[in-house]
């Protein structure tokens, strides 16, 4: 059974807010978000994850796309064998007057950074295959995932 996750696309002034992680492979970046817990709606998970990772509140906007990742089908990955996740990317907008601070981050999360969209390709950002869509602020497909 795949894990369900929600991720927030938070863009202001041509910059995107990313969560920074560090593990044995070095630093890497993703949009804020995480797993939906049993009995929790996607919107509830969106708000909970942003509170934990950003210490902030944001509007829950439109779904940009759905991404599915199955580690066993990738040629190279640092994901564990058997990892299968469905991610729902949602547009959001931070509510005014908030200070970003990590409240209860994941163990390997070390920070938050605003990155110019034009520089996204220079970072170890995931999902790499969607960098052009993030930079264009346009997701022409609804589903991005493993197809045979």
C-alpha atoms as a PDB file:
ATOM      1  CA  UNK A   1       0.000   0.000   0.000  1.00  0.00           C
ATOM      2  CA  UNK A   2       1.525   3.377  -0.946  1.00  0.00           C
ATOM      3  CA  UNK A   3       2.085   6.118   1.588  1.00  0.00           C
ATOM      4  CA  UNK A   4      -0.007   9.252   0.926  1.00  0.00           C
ATOM      5  CA  UNK A   5       1.667  12.647   1.354  1.00  0.00           C
ATOM      6  CA  UNK A   6       0.754  16.280   0.747  1.00  0.00           C
ATOM      7  CA  UNK A   7       3.278  18.944  -0.300  1.00  0.00           C
ATOM      8  CA  UNK A   8       2.834  22.727  -0.307  1.00  0.00           C
ATOM      9  CA  UNK A   9       3.930  24.911  -3.224  1.00  0.00           C
ATOM     10  CA  UNK A  10       4.639  28.260  -1.561  1.00  0.00           C
ATOM     11  CA  UNK A  11       5.925  30.886  -4.001  1.00  0.00           C
ATOM     12  CA  UNK A  12       6.466  34.577  -3.263  1.00  0.00           C
ATOM     13  CA  UNK A  13       8.384  37.128  -5.345  1.00  0.00           C
ATOM     14  CA  UNK A  14       9.675  34.460  -7.758  1.00  0.00           C
ATOM     15  CA  UNK A  15      11.087  32.447  -4.844  1.00  0.00           C
ATOM     16  CA  UNK A  16       9.903  29.075  -3.564  1.00  0.00           C
ATOM     17  CA  UNK A  17      10.029  28.007   0.076  1.00  0.00           C
ATOM     18  CA  UNK A  18      11.858  24.719   0.590  1.00  0.00           C
ATOM     19  CA  UNK A  19      12.617  22.485   3.535  1.00  0.00           C
ATOM     20  CA  UNK A  20      16.329  21.653   3.749  1.00  0.00           C
ATOM     21  CA  UNK A  21      17.443  18.210   4.876  1.00  0.00           C
ATOM     22  CA  UNK A  22      20.869  16.678   5.460  1.00  0.00           C
ATOM     23  CA  UNK A  23      21.645  12.988   5.564  1.00  0.00           C
ATOM     24  CA  UNK A  24      24.645  10.761   4.804  1.00  0.00           C
ATOM     25  CA  UNK A  25      24.414  11.784   1.138  1.00  0.00           C
ATOM     26  CA  UNK A  26      24.584  15.498   1.944  1.00  0.00           C
ATOM     27  CA  UNK A  27      21.999  18.279   1.721  1.00  0.00           C
ATOM     28  CA  UNK A  28      18.772  18.041  -0.277  1.00  0.00           C
ATOM     29  CA  UNK A  29      15.592  20.078  -0.624  1.00  0.00           C
ATOM     30  CA  UNK A  30      11.861  19.450  -1.023  1.00  0.00           C
ATOM     31  CA  UNK A  31       8.687  21.469  -0.767  1.00  0.00           C
ATOM     32  CA  UNK A  32       7.277  21.405   2.779  1.00  0.00           C
ATOM     33  CA  UNK A  33       4.856  18.651   3.643  1.00  0.00           C
ATOM     34  CA  UNK A  34       4.642  15.025   4.585  1.00  0.00           C
ATOM     35  CA  UNK A  35       2.530  12.009   5.250  1.00  0.00           C
ATOM     36  CA  UNK A  36      -1.210  12.005   5.790  1.00  0.00           C
ATOM     37  CA  UNK A  37      -2.038  10.223   9.045  1.00  0.00           C
ATOM     38  CA  UNK A  38      -4.838   7.689   9.501  1.00  0.00           C
ATOM     39  CA  UNK A  39      -8.168   9.486   9.908  1.00  0.00           C
ATOM     40  CA  UNK A  40      -6.736  12.821   8.750  1.00  0.00           C
ATOM     41  CA  UNK A  41      -7.917  14.683   5.652  1.00  0.00           C
ATOM     42  CA  UNK A  42      -5.431  15.937   3.072  1.00  0.00           C
ATOM     43  CA  UNK A  43      -6.215  19.512   4.089  1.00  0.00           C
ATOM     44  CA  UNK A  44      -5.703  18.713   7.780  1.00  0.00           C
ATOM     45  CA  UNK A  45      -2.350  17.099   6.966  1.00  0.00           C
ATOM     46  CA  UNK A  46      -1.359  20.160   4.906  1.00  0.00           C
ATOM     47  CA  UNK A  47      -1.986  22.465   7.878  1.00  0.00           C
ATOM     48  CA  UNK A  48      -0.361  20.113  10.428  1.00  0.00           C
ATOM     49  CA  UNK A  49       2.757  19.578   8.327  1.00  0.00           C
ATOM     50  CA  UNK A  50       3.186  23.312   7.709  1.00  0.00           C
ATOM     51  CA  UNK A  51       2.823  23.988  11.421  1.00  0.00           C
ATOM     52  CA  UNK A  52       5.454  21.334  12.255  1.00  0.00           C
ATOM     53  CA  UNK A  53       7.949  22.229   9.525  1.00  0.00           C
ATOM     54  CA  UNK A  54       7.392  25.997   9.180  1.00  0.00           C
ATOM     55  CA  UNK A  55       5.614  27.110  12.330  1.00  0.00           C
ATOM     56  CA  UNK A  56       3.281  28.910   9.945  1.00  0.00           C
ATOM     57  CA  UNK A  57      -0.207  28.850   8.523  1.00  0.00           C
ATOM     58  CA  UNK A  58      -1.103  29.009   4.854  1.00  0.00           C
ATOM     59  CA  UNK A  59      -4.132  28.958   2.636  1.00  0.00           C
ATOM     60  CA  UNK A  60      -4.922  25.527   1.217  1.00  0.00           C
ATOM     61  CA  UNK A  61      -5.242  26.158  -2.511  1.00  0.00           C
ATOM     62  CA  UNK A  62      -5.772  24.196  -5.683  1.00  0.00           C
ATOM     63  CA  UNK A  63      -4.135  20.864  -6.408  1.00  0.00           C
ATOM     64  CA  UNK A  64      -1.275  21.385  -8.875  1.00  0.00           C
ATOM     65  CA  UNK A  65      -0.527  17.732  -9.573  1.00  0.00           C
ATOM     66  CA  UNK A  66      -0.154  14.242  -8.201  1.00  0.00           C
ATOM     67  CA  UNK A  67       3.232  12.530  -8.259  1.00  0.00           C
ATOM     68  CA  UNK A  68       3.779   8.841  -7.641  1.00  0.00           C
ATOM     69  CA  UNK A  69       7.176   7.382  -6.847  1.00  0.00           C
ATOM     70  CA  UNK A  70       8.035   3.704  -6.678  1.00  0.00           C
ATOM     71  CA  UNK A  71      11.671   3.324  -5.638  1.00  0.00           C
ATOM     72  CA  UNK A  72      12.022  -0.188  -7.061  1.00  0.00           C
ATOM     73  CA  UNK A  73      11.307   1.149 -10.576  1.00  0.00           C
ATOM     74  CA  UNK A  74      14.009   3.829 -10.495  1.00  0.00           C
ATOM     75  CA  UNK A  75      17.436   3.269 -12.018  1.00  0.00           C
ATOM     76  CA  UNK A  76      19.176   5.105  -9.175  1.00  0.00           C
ATOM     77  CA  UNK A  77      17.734   6.280  -5.891  1.00  0.00           C
ATOM     78  CA  UNK A  78      18.625   6.862  -2.282  1.00  0.00           C
ATOM     79  CA  UNK A  79      15.122   5.772  -1.266  1.00  0.00           C
ATOM     80  CA  UNK A  80      14.713   2.483   0.580  1.00  0.00           C
ATOM     81  CA  UNK A  81      13.711  -0.642  -1.333  1.00  0.00           C
ATOM     82  CA  UNK A  82       9.947  -1.024  -1.456  1.00  0.00           C
ATOM     83  CA  UNK A  83       9.297   2.700  -0.944  1.00  0.00           C
ATOM     84  CA  UNK A  84       6.050   3.730  -2.673  1.00  0.00           C
ATOM     85  CA  UNK A  85       4.526   7.179  -2.151  1.00  0.00           C
ATOM     86  CA  UNK A  86       1.745   9.195  -3.750  1.00  0.00           C
ATOM     87  CA  UNK A  87       2.267  12.944  -3.286  1.00  0.00           C
ATOM     88  CA  UNK A  88      -0.396  15.591  -3.782  1.00  0.00           C
ATOM     89  CA  UNK A  89       1.182  18.983  -4.562  1.00  0.00           C
ATOM     90  CA  UNK A  90      -1.063  21.850  -3.456  1.00  0.00           C
ATOM     91  CA  UNK A  91      -0.682  25.558  -4.142  1.00  0.00           C
ATOM     92  CA  UNK A  92      -0.601  27.581  -0.953  1.00  0.00           C
ATOM     93  CA  UNK A  93      -0.068  31.113   0.238  1.00  0.00           C
ATOM     94  CA  UNK A  94       1.442  31.960   3.593  1.00  0.00           C
ATOM     95  CA  UNK A  95      -0.845  34.046   5.750  1.00  0.00           C
ATOM     96  CA  UNK A  96       0.608  37.523   6.447  1.00  0.00           C
ATOM     97  CA  UNK A  97       2.678  38.479   9.466  1.00  0.00           C
ATOM     98  CA  UNK A  98       4.178  35.115  10.358  1.00  0.00           C
ATOM     99  CA  UNK A  99       7.715  34.264  11.337  1.00  0.00           C
ATOM    100  CA  UNK A 100       8.987  30.967   9.957  1.00  0.00           C
ATOM    101  CA  UNK A 101      10.404  28.614  12.581  1.00  0.00           C
ATOM    102  CA  UNK A 102      10.577  24.858  12.697  1.00  0.00           C
ATOM    103  CA  UNK A 103       8.320  23.570  15.525  1.00  0.00           C
ATOM    104  CA  UNK A 104       8.553  19.786  15.157  1.00  0.00           C
ATOM    105  CA  UNK A 105      10.627  19.052  12.052  1.00  0.00           C
ATOM    106  CA  UNK A 106      11.564  15.638  10.732  1.00  0.00           C
ATOM    107  CA  UNK A 107      14.833  14.411  12.304  1.00  0.00           C
ATOM    108  CA  UNK A 108      16.986  15.213   9.254  1.00  0.00           C
ATOM    109  CA  UNK A 109      15.370  18.603   8.496  1.00  0.00           C
ATOM    110  CA  UNK A 110      17.896  21.338   9.271  1.00  0.00           C
ATOM    111  CA  UNK A 111      16.293  24.473   7.899  1.00  0.00           C
ATOM    112  CA  UNK A 112      14.015  26.436   5.620  1.00  0.00           C
ATOM    113  CA  UNK A 113      15.184  28.439   2.622  1.00  0.00           C
ATOM    114  CA  UNK A 114      13.630  30.745   0.063  1.00  0.00           C
ATOM    115  CA  UNK A 115      15.180  29.858  -3.297  1.00  0.00           C
ATOM    116  CA  UNK A 116      14.809  31.853  -6.507  1.00  0.00           C
ATOM    117  CA  UNK A 117      12.865  29.695  -8.963  1.00  0.00           C
ATOM    118  CA  UNK A 118      15.528  30.390 -11.608  1.00  0.00           C
ATOM    119  CA  UNK A 119      18.122  28.687  -9.352  1.00  0.00           C
ATOM    120  CA  UNK A 120      16.091  25.612  -8.442  1.00  0.00           C
ATOM    121  CA  UNK A 121      18.003  23.433 -10.907  1.00  0.00           C
ATOM    122  CA  UNK A 122      21.304  24.224  -9.113  1.00  0.00           C
ATOM    123  CA  UNK A 123      20.179  22.474  -5.903  1.00  0.00           C
ATOM    124  CA  UNK A 124      19.680  18.812  -5.056  1.00  0.00           C
ATOM    125  CA  UNK A 125      15.919  19.463  -5.227  1.00  0.00           C
ATOM    126  CA  UNK A 126      13.400  16.658  -5.454  1.00  0.00           C
ATOM    127  CA  UNK A 127      11.496  15.848  -7.545  1.00  0.00           C
ATOM    128  CA  UNK A 128      14.144  16.795 -10.111  1.00  0.00           C
ATOM    129  CA  UNK A 129      11.859  15.785 -12.961  1.00  0.00           C
ATOM    130  CA  UNK A 130       9.432  18.586 -12.097  1.00  0.00           C
ATOM    131  CA  UNK A 131      11.883  21.493 -11.856  1.00  0.00           C
ATOM    132  CA  UNK A 132      10.710  22.964 -15.190  1.00  0.00           C
ATOM    133  CA  UNK A 133       7.090  22.842 -14.004  1.00  0.00           C
ATOM    134  CA  UNK A 134       7.938  24.575 -10.725  1.00  0.00           C
ATOM    135  CA  UNK A 135       9.936  27.246 -12.570  1.00  0.00           C
ATOM    136  CA  UNK A 136       7.107  27.815 -15.065  1.00  0.00           C
ATOM    137  CA  UNK A 137       4.500  27.654 -12.283  1.00  0.00           C
ATOM    138  CA  UNK A 138       2.564  25.380 -14.586  1.00  0.00           C
ATOM    139  CA  UNK A 139       1.796  21.685 -14.293  1.00  0.00           C
ATOM    140  CA  UNK A 140       0.427  20.644 -17.708  1.00  0.00           C
ATOM    141  CA  UNK A 141      -0.090  17.067 -16.561  1.00  0.00           C
ATOM    142  CA  UNK A 142      -2.213  16.144 -13.583  1.00  0.00           C
ATOM    143  CA  UNK A 143      -0.405  12.846 -12.900  1.00  0.00           C
ATOM    144  CA  UNK A 144       3.369  12.460 -12.828  1.00  0.00           C
ATOM    145  CA  UNK A 145       4.367   8.941 -12.018  1.00  0.00           C
ATOM    146  CA  UNK A 146       5.569   5.531 -12.947  1.00  0.00           C
ATOM    147  CA  UNK A 147       3.981   4.324 -16.154  1.00  0.00           C
ATOM    148  CA  UNK A 148       4.766   1.176 -18.030  1.00  0.00           C
END
